[in-house]
Amino acid sequence: MNKTIIILTIYMVAACNLSKQTGNEQPMASEPFLIYKTKADYSNNVPVIMNAEKTIILSYPSPSDLVVAKKLTKPVKLDNGFWLDRRGIGQNVAFTSFNYEEYAQLDEAPSPGMLMINIIDNDPLLELYDCSMHLKIKRDIDKVNALIADGFEGCERIK
């Protein structure tokens, strides 16, 4: 038993040391940093994630997922018609007719079938960029807008 405790302690100390950063390293992306542009303003419409063929909903939020620190997780408006994702969209995003306020008030999420018949655009994206390499600026909207102005340098264009 003592041998097991010693091994676990060594493992935990080693894991903690591996996770420390020296200050010169890039932080690991622990959250997505996606910037996108859509065909229309869907900033108040709840997104869902579909399969590549756009025939099945693979992922959708719980009503409680739309609120963090008592605020709705709507996307943030950026320059040049771009939006900063705060919900977890992806290349196969579709937008529903449900708005954030009404959806967040629901006791439970609508069924996938109900969400499917409420999709208003299953191909809304004009552009999508993964800017996770710049995660440290995600909460500084002026710097995010500068990133857009600089042509998304260091970001991966997904669409």
C-alpha atoms as a PDB file:
ATOM      1  CA  MET A   1       0.000   0.000   0.000  1.00  0.00           C
ATOM      2  CA  ASN A   2       2.819   2.430   0.838  1.00  0.00           C
ATOM      3  CA  LYS A   3       4.446   1.580  -2.483  1.00  0.00           C
ATOM      4  CA  THR A   4       1.234   2.555  -4.321  1.00  0.00           C
ATOM      5  CA  ILE A   5       1.043   5.904  -2.473  1.00  0.00           C
ATOM      6  CA  ILE A   6       4.684   6.652  -3.300  1.00  0.00           C
ATOM      7  CA  ILE A   7       4.171   5.831  -6.979  1.00  0.00           C
ATOM      8  CA  LEU A   8       1.029   7.991  -7.144  1.00  0.00           C
ATOM      9  CA  THR A   9       2.838  10.879  -5.420  1.00  0.00           C
ATOM     10  CA  ILE A  10       5.758  10.670  -7.867  1.00  0.00           C
ATOM     11  CA  TYR A  11       3.341  10.572 -10.807  1.00  0.00           C
ATOM     12  CA  MET A  12       1.418  13.626  -9.522  1.00  0.00           C
ATOM     13  CA  VAL A  13       4.612  15.652  -8.937  1.00  0.00           C
ATOM     14  CA  ALA A  14       5.895  14.761 -12.399  1.00  0.00           C
ATOM     15  CA  ALA A  15       2.578  15.690 -13.996  1.00  0.00           C
ATOM     16  CA  CYS A  16       2.550  19.052 -12.210  1.00  0.00           C
ATOM     17  CA  ASN A  17       6.100  19.798 -13.330  1.00  0.00           C
ATOM     18  CA  LEU A  18       5.251  18.942 -16.949  1.00  0.00           C
ATOM     19  CA  SER A  19       2.310  21.337 -16.917  1.00  0.00           C
ATOM     20  CA  LYS A  20       4.298  24.337 -15.672  1.00  0.00           C
ATOM     21  CA  GLN A  21       5.211  26.877 -18.318  1.00  0.00           C
ATOM     22  CA  THR A  22       8.491  28.732 -18.438  1.00  0.00           C
ATOM     23  CA  GLY A  23       6.976  31.853 -19.951  1.00  0.00           C
ATOM     24  CA  ASN A  24       8.684  31.319 -23.309  1.00  0.00           C
ATOM     25  CA  GLU A  25       6.370  28.508 -24.384  1.00  0.00           C
ATOM     26  CA  GLN A  26       3.089  28.945 -26.225  1.00  0.00           C
ATOM     27  CA  PRO A  27       0.157  28.146 -23.959  1.00  0.00           C
ATOM     28  CA  MET A  28      -1.742  25.052 -24.975  1.00  0.00           C
ATOM     29  CA  ALA A  29      -5.119  25.862 -26.433  1.00  0.00           C
ATOM     30  CA  SER A  30      -7.639  24.749 -23.865  1.00  0.00           C
ATOM     31  CA  GLU A  31     -10.572  26.333 -25.629  1.00  0.00           C
ATOM     32  CA  PRO A  32     -11.395  26.985 -29.258  1.00  0.00           C
ATOM     33  CA  PHE A  33     -10.805  30.409 -30.736  1.00  0.00           C
ATOM     34  CA  LEU A  34     -12.943  30.562 -33.855  1.00  0.00           C
ATOM     35  CA  ILE A  35     -13.760  33.613 -35.945  1.00  0.00           C
ATOM     36  CA  TYR A  36     -16.373  33.356 -38.654  1.00  0.00           C
ATOM     37  CA  LYS A  37     -18.499  35.213 -41.165  1.00  0.00           C
ATOM     38  CA  THR A  38     -22.010  34.144 -42.148  1.00  0.00           C
ATOM     39  CA  LYS A  39     -24.366  34.823 -45.044  1.00  0.00           C
ATOM     40  CA  ALA A  40     -26.754  36.667 -42.695  1.00  0.00           C
ATOM     41  CA  ASP A  41     -26.802  37.842 -39.094  1.00  0.00           C
ATOM     42  CA  TYR A  42     -27.394  34.702 -37.024  1.00  0.00           C
ATOM     43  CA  SER A  43     -25.924  36.140 -33.832  1.00  0.00           C
ATOM     44  CA  ASN A  44     -29.133  35.565 -31.880  1.00  0.00           C
ATOM     45  CA  ASN A  45     -29.888  32.123 -33.350  1.00  0.00           C
ATOM     46  CA  VAL A  46     -28.901  28.984 -31.467  1.00  0.00           C
ATOM     47  CA  PRO A  47     -26.374  26.889 -33.423  1.00  0.00           C
ATOM     48  CA  VAL A  48     -26.269  23.111 -33.763  1.00  0.00           C
ATOM     49  CA  ILE A  49     -23.598  20.894 -35.291  1.00  0.00           C
ATOM     50  CA  MET A  50     -24.586  18.576 -38.125  1.00  0.00           C
ATOM     51  CA  ASN A  51     -22.884  15.747 -39.966  1.00  0.00           C
ATOM     52  CA  ALA A  52     -21.014  16.602 -43.190  1.00  0.00           C
ATOM     53  CA  GLU A  53     -24.039  15.677 -45.310  1.00  0.00           C
ATOM     54  CA  LYS A  54     -26.240  18.012 -43.218  1.00  0.00           C
ATOM     55  CA  THR A  55     -28.780  15.241 -42.622  1.00  0.00           C
ATOM     56  CA  ILE A  56     -28.305  14.574 -38.890  1.00  0.00           C
ATOM     57  CA  ILE A  57     -27.760  16.819 -35.880  1.00  0.00           C
ATOM     58  CA  LEU A  58     -24.700  15.528 -34.044  1.00  0.00           C
ATOM     59  CA  SER A  59     -24.508  18.079 -31.245  1.00  0.00           C
ATOM     60  CA  TYR A  60     -26.732  20.727 -29.736  1.00  0.00           C
ATOM     61  CA  PRO A  61     -26.639  22.744 -26.535  1.00  0.00           C
ATOM     62  CA  SER A  62     -28.535  22.219 -23.349  1.00  0.00           C
ATOM     63  CA  PRO A  63     -30.395  25.394 -22.366  1.00  0.00           C
ATOM     64  CA  SER A  64     -27.980  25.832 -19.450  1.00  0.00           C
ATOM     65  CA  ASP A  65     -25.034  25.748 -21.888  1.00  0.00           C
ATOM     66  CA  LEU A  66     -26.123  29.115 -23.281  1.00  0.00           C
ATOM     67  CA  VAL A  67     -25.498  30.980 -20.033  1.00  0.00           C
ATOM     68  CA  VAL A  68     -22.106  31.532 -18.413  1.00  0.00           C
ATOM     69  CA  ALA A  69     -21.742  33.818 -15.404  1.00  0.00           C
ATOM     70  CA  LYS A  70     -25.382  34.866 -15.851  1.00  0.00           C
ATOM     71  CA  LYS A  71     -24.701  36.092 -19.409  1.00  0.00           C
ATOM     72  CA  LEU A  72     -25.784  34.560 -22.703  1.00  0.00           C
ATOM     73  CA  THR A  73     -22.973  33.056 -24.768  1.00  0.00           C
ATOM     74  CA  LYS A  74     -23.910  34.917 -27.946  1.00  0.00           C
ATOM     75  CA  PRO A  75     -21.121  35.534 -30.436  1.00  0.00           C
ATOM     76  CA  VAL A  76     -19.247  38.835 -30.255  1.00  0.00           C
ATOM     77  CA  LYS A  77     -19.523  41.216 -33.212  1.00  0.00           C
ATOM     78  CA  LEU A  78     -16.166  41.983 -34.783  1.00  0.00           C
ATOM     79  CA  ASP A  79     -14.997  44.174 -37.668  1.00  0.00           C
ATOM     80  CA  ASN A  80     -15.748  43.454 -41.330  1.00  0.00           C
ATOM     81  CA  GLY A  81     -18.811  41.303 -40.611  1.00  0.00           C
ATOM     82  CA  PHE A  82     -16.932  38.692 -38.559  1.00  0.00           C
ATOM     83  CA  TRP A  83     -18.068  37.093 -35.311  1.00  0.00           C
ATOM     84  CA  LEU A  84     -16.146  35.633 -32.380  1.00  0.00           C
ATOM     85  CA  ASP A  85     -17.598  32.262 -31.438  1.00  0.00           C
ATOM     86  CA  ARG A  86     -18.518  31.732 -27.796  1.00  0.00           C
ATOM     87  CA  ARG A  87     -20.754  28.690 -28.275  1.00  0.00           C
ATOM     88  CA  GLY A  88     -18.610  26.074 -29.976  1.00  0.00           C
ATOM     89  CA  ILE A  89     -19.516  26.133 -33.642  1.00  0.00           C
ATOM     90  CA  GLY A  90     -17.649  24.280 -36.366  1.00  0.00           C
ATOM     91  CA  GLN A  91     -17.513  23.780 -40.108  1.00  0.00           C
ATOM     92  CA  ASN A  92     -20.815  21.884 -40.065  1.00  0.00           C
ATOM     93  CA  VAL A  93     -22.746  24.436 -38.031  1.00  0.00           C
ATOM     94  CA  ALA A  94     -26.387  25.155 -38.772  1.00  0.00           C
ATOM     95  CA  PHE A  95     -28.533  27.823 -37.166  1.00  0.00           C
ATOM     96  CA  THR A  96     -31.997  27.283 -35.745  1.00  0.00           C
ATOM     97  CA  SER A  97     -34.920  29.653 -35.440  1.00  0.00           C
ATOM     98  CA  PHE A  98     -34.576  29.449 -31.638  1.00  0.00           C
ATOM     99  CA  ASN A  99     -33.122  32.620 -30.184  1.00  0.00           C
ATOM    100  CA  TYR A 100     -30.749  32.551 -27.218  1.00  0.00           C
ATOM    101  CA  GLU A 101     -33.157  34.120 -24.740  1.00  0.00           C
ATOM    102  CA  GLU A 102     -36.051  31.721 -25.348  1.00  0.00           C
ATOM    103  CA  TYR A 103     -33.843  28.644 -25.619  1.00  0.00           C
ATOM    104  CA  ALA A 104     -32.006  29.448 -22.368  1.00  0.00           C
ATOM    105  CA  GLN A 105     -35.392  29.603 -20.572  1.00  0.00           C
ATOM    106  CA  LEU A 106     -36.380  26.074 -21.609  1.00  0.00           C
ATOM    107  CA  ASP A 107     -36.421  23.353 -18.958  1.00  0.00           C
ATOM    108  CA  GLU A 108     -34.800  20.943 -21.414  1.00  0.00           C
ATOM    109  CA  ALA A 109     -33.431  21.064 -24.927  1.00  0.00           C
ATOM    110  CA  PRO A 110     -35.806  20.405 -27.803  1.00  0.00           C
ATOM    111  CA  SER A 111     -35.524  16.975 -29.390  1.00  0.00           C
ATOM    112  CA  PRO A 112     -33.150  16.588 -32.345  1.00  0.00           C
ATOM    113  CA  GLY A 113     -36.237  16.210 -34.562  1.00  0.00           C
ATOM    114  CA  MET A 114     -37.663  19.504 -33.316  1.00  0.00           C
ATOM    115  CA  LEU A 115     -34.304  21.212 -33.791  1.00  0.00           C
ATOM    116  CA  MET A 116     -34.056  19.762 -37.299  1.00  0.00           C
ATOM    117  CA  ILE A 117     -37.373  21.249 -38.420  1.00  0.00           C
ATOM    118  CA  ASN A 118     -36.315  24.596 -36.935  1.00  0.00           C
ATOM    119  CA  ILE A 119     -33.053  24.896 -38.900  1.00  0.00           C
ATOM    120  CA  ILE A 120     -33.112  28.138 -40.840  1.00  0.00           C
ATOM    121  CA  ASP A 121     -29.718  27.747 -42.544  1.00  0.00           C
ATOM    122  CA  ASN A 122     -27.692  24.540 -42.721  1.00  0.00           C
ATOM    123  CA  ASP A 123     -24.846  26.113 -44.734  1.00  0.00           C
ATOM    124  CA  PRO A 124     -24.417  29.580 -43.186  1.00  0.00           C
ATOM    125  CA  LEU A 125     -20.642  30.038 -43.198  1.00  0.00           C
ATOM    126  CA  LEU A 126     -18.783  32.172 -45.700  1.00  0.00           C
ATOM    127  CA  GLU A 127     -15.486  31.971 -43.791  1.00  0.00           C
ATOM    128  CA  LEU A 128     -14.239  30.179 -40.690  1.00  0.00           C
ATOM    129  CA  TYR A 129     -10.828  30.565 -39.042  1.00  0.00           C
ATOM    130  CA  ASP A 130      -9.239  28.657 -36.177  1.00  0.00           C
ATOM    131  CA  CYS A 131      -7.091  31.198 -34.347  1.00  0.00           C
ATOM    132  CA  SER A 132      -6.156  29.001 -31.383  1.00  0.00           C
ATOM    133  CA  MET A 133      -2.497  29.982 -31.785  1.00  0.00           C
ATOM    134  CA  HIS A 134      -3.568  33.452 -30.612  1.00  0.00           C
ATOM    135  CA  LEU A 135      -5.683  32.282 -27.678  1.00  0.00           C
ATOM    136  CA  LYS A 136      -4.124  34.817 -25.305  1.00  0.00           C
ATOM    137  CA  ILE A 137      -5.784  37.714 -27.211  1.00  0.00           C
ATOM    138  CA  LYS A 138      -9.248  36.146 -27.455  1.00  0.00           C
ATOM    139  CA  ARG A 139     -10.783  38.405 -24.797  1.00  0.00           C
ATOM    140  CA  ASP A 140      -9.208  41.603 -26.165  1.00  0.00           C
ATOM    141  CA  ILE A 141     -11.581  42.595 -28.968  1.00  0.00           C
ATOM    142  CA  ASP A 142      -9.271  45.352 -30.251  1.00  0.00           C
ATOM    143  CA  LYS A 143      -6.493  42.794 -30.731  1.00  0.00           C
ATOM    144  CA  VAL A 144      -8.894  40.317 -32.333  1.00  0.00           C
ATOM    145  CA  ASN A 145      -9.974  43.023 -34.786  1.00  0.00           C
ATOM    146  CA  ALA A 146      -6.299  43.768 -35.493  1.00  0.00           C
ATOM    147  CA  LEU A 147      -5.831  40.063 -36.256  1.00  0.00           C
ATOM    148  CA  ILE A 148      -8.649  40.331 -38.807  1.00  0.00           C
ATOM    149  CA  ALA A 149      -7.101  43.477 -40.311  1.00  0.00           C
ATOM    150  CA  ASP A 150      -3.766  41.651 -40.626  1.00  0.00           C
ATOM    151  CA  GLY A 151      -5.381  38.907 -42.687  1.00  0.00           C
ATOM    152  CA  PHE A 152      -5.682  36.266 -39.950  1.00  0.00           C
ATOM    153  CA  GLU A 153      -1.919  35.746 -39.738  1.00  0.00           C
ATOM    154  CA  GLY A 154      -1.189  32.528 -37.850  1.00  0.00           C
ATOM    155  CA  CYS A 155      -4.786  31.294 -38.105  1.00  0.00           C
ATOM    156  CA  GLU A 156      -5.932  28.247 -40.028  1.00  0.00           C
ATOM    157  CA  ARG A 157      -8.670  28.851 -42.573  1.00  0.00           C
ATOM    158  CA  ILE A 158     -11.193  26.058 -42.212  1.00  0.00           C
ATOM    159  CA  LYS A 159     -13.654  27.445 -44.723  1.00  0.00           C
END
